[in-house]
Amino acid sequence: MTDTPLPPLKAAIIPVTPLQQNCTLFWCTKTNKAALCDPGGDLDKLKAAIAQTGVEVEKILLTHGHIDHCGQARVLAEDLGVPIEGPHVDDKYWIDRLPEDGAKYGIPGSSFESDRWLEDGDTVTVGELVFTVHHCPGHTPGHVVFHNAESKLALVGDVLFKGSMGRTDFPRGNHQDLIDAITQKLWPLGDETAFVPGHGPMSTFGHERATNPFVGDAALGRG
């Protein structure tokens, strides 16, 4: 009898803030090194998850600059003594206004300077895991998506949802840019790729291409 090998990546999705934003705690099973993607708030809940899993968080990753995704990122980064990577610098507009947006939504917001702004084609590492960065503007101008090819997993923030897509009616949003990002950046990653959206349940790119009423192949006349 041989032990079944551990998958290279394990993850836990922790909804945070009154907007129930999906913060993802994920880790490299070989090294126990971990990252938090989009820790927008409820830091006690996130710290409890870190303690429960026993992982060592080495960085925070951000998909974009909206309050529910990064309002408390700097506070947590300072508490844990780790850097922040992401989003793209074009979302500095949103990060600079986090205190103002926090007051509007009743969520604590603290603006910050990212330790590493990300560009399309960059890679980020967590332990031995490697994620490719895809710049996917439209919901916000500096939105990025993280893709781990080995595990066929993408962290897409508010670009795409199960059965829906991101809003583009915020300042600096662009509807056509978002459709282009989804069809040109995400679909080529493969139908079997699963994704964690910023809100709601997971899905796969293949399922969304087949069924999504906004960006599915049929909806865009590509079926």
Protein backbone atom coordinates (compact mmCIF):
# COMPACT_ATOMS: atom_id res chain seq x y z
CA MET A 1 0.00 0.00 0.00
CA THR A 2 1.28 3.45 -0.85
CA ASP A 3 0.04 6.70 0.59
CA THR A 4 -1.90 8.90 -1.80
CA PRO A 5 0.30 11.94 -2.50
CA LEU A 6 -0.99 15.28 -1.31
CA PRO A 7 -2.19 17.69 -4.00
CA PRO A 8 0.36 20.49 -4.49
CA LEU A 9 -2.15 23.14 -3.43
CA LYS A 10 -4.83 23.21 -0.77
CA ALA A 11 -7.22 26.08 -0.13
CA ALA A 12 -9.95 27.35 2.16
CA ILE A 13 -12.48 30.00 1.14
CA ILE A 14 -13.42 32.39 3.96
CA PRO A 15 -16.24 34.89 3.23
CA VAL A 16 -15.47 38.28 4.83
CA THR A 17 -17.12 41.69 5.27
CA PRO A 18 -20.87 42.36 5.05
CA LEU A 19 -20.49 41.90 1.27
CA GLN A 20 -19.49 38.24 1.79
CA GLN A 21 -16.34 38.53 -0.30
CA ASN A 22 -14.43 35.28 -0.84
CA CYS A 23 -11.02 35.58 0.80
CA THR A 24 -8.92 32.55 -0.17
CA LEU A 25 -6.31 31.09 2.17
CA PHE A 26 -4.19 28.71 0.12
CA TRP A 27 -0.94 26.92 0.73
CA CYS A 28 1.81 24.82 -0.80
CA THR A 29 1.52 21.35 0.71
CA LYS A 30 5.24 20.68 0.23
CA THR A 31 6.44 23.69 2.20
CA ASN A 32 3.40 24.72 4.31
CA LYS A 33 3.93 28.28 2.99
CA ALA A 34 0.66 30.13 2.43
CA ALA A 35 -0.90 33.31 1.10
CA LEU A 36 -4.17 35.14 1.60
CA CYS A 37 -5.85 36.45 -1.52
CA ASP A 38 -8.13 39.47 -0.97
CA PRO A 39 -8.31 39.74 2.84
CA GLY A 40 -10.84 42.57 2.84
CA GLY A 41 -11.84 42.43 6.49
CA ASP A 42 -12.89 40.24 9.46
CA LEU A 43 -9.23 39.82 10.39
CA ASP A 44 -9.99 37.80 13.53
CA LYS A 45 -11.76 35.22 11.36
CA LEU A 46 -8.80 35.10 8.96
CA LYS A 47 -6.26 34.75 11.77
CA ALA A 48 -8.33 31.91 13.25
CA ALA A 49 -8.26 30.11 9.89
CA ILE A 50 -4.49 30.52 9.70
CA ALA A 51 -4.12 29.09 13.20
CA GLN A 52 -6.50 26.22 12.47
CA THR A 53 -4.65 25.14 9.34
CA GLY A 54 -1.22 25.65 10.90
CA VAL A 55 0.22 27.23 7.75
CA GLU A 56 2.87 29.94 7.51
CA VAL A 57 1.56 32.96 5.62
CA GLU A 58 4.35 34.55 3.57
CA LYS A 59 2.43 37.17 1.57
CA ILE A 60 -0.91 38.77 0.73
CA LEU A 61 -2.15 38.79 -2.87
CA LEU A 62 -4.72 41.28 -4.15
CA THR A 63 -6.85 41.01 -7.29
CA HIS A 64 -8.08 44.61 -7.19
CA GLY A 65 -8.57 47.71 -5.10
CA HIS A 66 -12.20 47.56 -3.96
CA ILE A 67 -12.93 47.91 -0.25
CA ASP A 68 -14.33 44.40 0.32
CA HIS A 69 -11.20 42.86 -1.23
CA CYS A 70 -8.42 44.92 0.32
CA GLY A 71 -9.80 47.36 2.90
CA GLN A 72 -7.86 45.71 5.72
CA ALA A 73 -4.97 44.28 3.69
CA ARG A 74 -2.34 46.68 5.04
CA VAL A 75 -3.43 46.18 8.65
CA LEU A 76 -3.18 42.41 8.25
CA ALA A 77 0.13 42.63 6.39
CA GLU A 78 1.62 44.64 9.24
CA ASP A 79 0.19 42.26 11.85
CA LEU A 80 1.68 39.24 10.06
CA GLY A 81 4.89 40.96 8.93
CA VAL A 82 4.36 40.02 5.27
CA PRO A 83 4.39 41.95 1.96
CA ILE A 84 1.46 42.76 -0.31
CA GLU A 85 1.68 41.79 -3.99
CA GLY A 86 -0.85 43.20 -6.47
CA PRO A 87 -2.96 44.47 -7.94
CA HIS A 88 -1.87 46.36 -11.09
CA VAL A 89 -0.84 49.96 -10.40
CA ASP A 90 -3.90 51.25 -12.30
CA ASP A 91 -5.95 50.35 -9.21
CA LYS A 92 -4.04 52.85 -7.05
CA TYR A 93 -7.03 55.11 -7.77
CA TRP A 94 -9.24 52.76 -5.75
CA ILE A 95 -6.70 52.02 -3.02
CA ASP A 96 -6.16 55.72 -2.35
CA ARG A 97 -9.88 56.16 -1.66
CA LEU A 98 -10.32 53.15 0.65
CA PRO A 99 -10.97 55.24 3.80
CA GLU A 100 -13.69 57.20 1.96
CA ASP A 101 -15.28 54.04 0.50
CA GLY A 102 -15.02 52.31 3.87
CA ALA A 103 -17.08 55.04 5.49
CA LYS A 104 -19.69 54.66 2.74
CA TYR A 105 -20.00 50.88 3.10
CA GLY A 106 -19.41 50.60 6.85
CA ILE A 107 -16.23 48.57 6.33
CA PRO A 108 -12.89 49.73 7.80
CA GLY A 109 -10.64 50.91 4.98
CA SER A 110 -6.93 51.71 5.14
CA SER A 111 -5.10 52.94 2.02
CA PHE A 112 -1.58 51.69 1.30
CA GLU A 113 1.19 51.34 -1.24
CA SER A 114 1.58 47.81 -2.57
CA ASP A 115 4.99 46.22 -2.02
CA ARG A 116 4.84 44.91 -5.59
CA TRP A 117 2.50 46.19 -8.29
CA LEU A 118 1.88 43.42 -10.81
CA GLU A 119 1.94 43.43 -14.61
CA ASP A 120 0.41 41.05 -17.15
CA GLY A 121 2.68 38.03 -17.49
CA ASP A 122 4.34 38.38 -14.08
CA THR A 123 4.58 35.37 -11.80
CA VAL A 124 4.05 35.16 -8.05
CA THR A 125 5.22 32.30 -5.88
CA VAL A 126 3.88 30.80 -2.67
CA GLY A 127 6.22 28.11 -1.41
CA GLU A 128 6.85 26.04 -4.54
CA LEU A 129 3.56 27.08 -6.17
CA VAL A 130 3.82 29.40 -9.17
CA PHE A 131 0.94 31.63 -10.29
CA THR A 132 0.83 33.52 -13.56
CA VAL A 133 -0.61 37.03 -13.41
CA HIS A 134 -3.21 38.08 -16.00
CA HIS A 135 -4.19 41.76 -16.15
CA CYS A 136 -7.97 41.72 -16.65
CA PRO A 137 -9.34 45.30 -16.60
CA GLY A 138 -12.99 46.20 -16.90
CA HIS A 139 -14.42 45.83 -13.40
CA THR A 140 -11.54 48.02 -12.26
CA PRO A 141 -8.66 49.26 -14.43
CA GLY A 142 -5.99 47.40 -12.48
CA HIS A 143 -7.72 44.08 -11.80
CA VAL A 144 -5.50 40.98 -12.01
CA VAL A 145 -6.20 37.24 -11.99
CA PHE A 146 -3.89 34.59 -10.51
CA HIS A 147 -3.62 31.22 -12.31
CA ASN A 148 -1.87 28.08 -11.09
CA ALA A 149 -1.57 25.81 -14.12
CA GLU A 150 -0.45 22.75 -12.13
CA SER A 151 -3.64 22.73 -10.05
CA LYS A 152 -5.88 24.11 -12.82
CA LEU A 153 -7.07 26.82 -10.43
CA ALA A 154 -7.62 30.55 -10.93
CA LEU A 155 -8.40 33.28 -8.40
CA VAL A 156 -10.44 35.74 -10.47
CA GLY A 157 -11.78 38.31 -8.00
CA ASP A 158 -14.74 40.18 -9.49
CA VAL A 159 -13.97 39.53 -13.17
CA LEU A 160 -16.25 36.50 -13.48
CA PHE A 161 -18.86 34.74 -11.34
CA LYS A 162 -20.88 31.58 -11.65
CA GLY A 163 -23.65 32.70 -14.02
CA SER A 164 -22.57 36.34 -14.07
CA MET A 165 -19.72 38.77 -14.60
CA GLY A 166 -18.29 41.78 -12.80
CA ARG A 167 -20.03 45.14 -12.65
CA THR A 168 -18.64 47.81 -14.94
CA ASP A 169 -20.68 50.80 -13.75
CA PHE A 170 -18.12 51.91 -11.16
CA PRO A 171 -15.73 54.78 -11.95
CA ARG A 172 -13.12 53.67 -14.51
CA GLY A 173 -15.01 50.49 -15.33
CA ASN A 174 -15.35 49.38 -18.95
CA HIS A 175 -17.81 46.77 -20.16
CA GLN A 176 -16.04 45.86 -23.40
CA ASP A 177 -12.66 45.64 -21.66
CA LEU A 178 -14.15 43.13 -19.22
CA ILE A 179 -15.66 40.95 -21.96
CA ASP A 180 -12.33 41.04 -23.81
CA ALA A 181 -10.43 40.08 -20.66
CA ILE A 182 -12.70 37.11 -19.99
CA THR A 183 -12.70 35.79 -23.55
CA GLN A 184 -9.07 36.56 -24.40
CA LYS A 185 -7.31 35.99 -21.06
CA LEU A 186 -9.44 33.49 -19.12
CA TRP A 187 -11.00 31.16 -21.69
CA PRO A 188 -7.56 30.18 -23.13
CA LEU A 189 -6.59 28.85 -19.67
CA GLY A 190 -8.79 25.82 -20.36
CA ASP A 191 -12.38 24.64 -19.85
CA GLU A 192 -11.33 22.37 -16.98
CA THR A 193 -9.85 25.25 -14.96
CA ALA A 194 -11.79 25.87 -11.75
CA PHE A 195 -12.03 29.40 -10.40
CA VAL A 196 -12.71 31.11 -7.11
CA PRO A 197 -14.78 34.25 -7.73
CA GLY A 198 -14.92 37.26 -5.46
CA HIS A 199 -18.44 36.33 -4.35
CA GLY A 200 -20.57 33.19 -4.50
CA PRO A 201 -19.76 29.59 -5.47
CA MET A 202 -16.87 28.27 -7.54
CA SER A 203 -17.30 27.20 -11.15
CA THR A 204 -15.16 26.27 -14.15
CA PHE A 205 -14.36 28.24 -17.27
CA GLY A 206 -15.92 25.48 -19.37
CA HIS A 207 -19.19 25.65 -17.45
CA GLU A 208 -19.33 29.42 -17.86
CA ARG A 209 -18.54 29.25 -21.58
CA ALA A 210 -21.43 26.81 -21.97
CA THR A 211 -24.00 28.51 -19.72
CA ASN A 212 -23.11 32.07 -18.69
CA PRO A 213 -25.86 34.43 -19.97
CA PHE A 214 -23.43 37.37 -20.21
CA VAL A 215 -20.14 35.98 -21.56
CA GLY A 216 -20.94 32.41 -22.59
CA ASP A 217 -20.23 31.43 -26.19
CA ALA A 218 -23.95 31.51 -27.07
CA ALA A 219 -24.46 34.91 -25.41
CA LEU A 220 -21.63 36.38 -27.48
CA GLY A 221 -22.72 34.66 -30.68
CA ARG A 222 -19.78 32.28 -30.62
CA GLY A 223 -21.64 29.07 -29.95
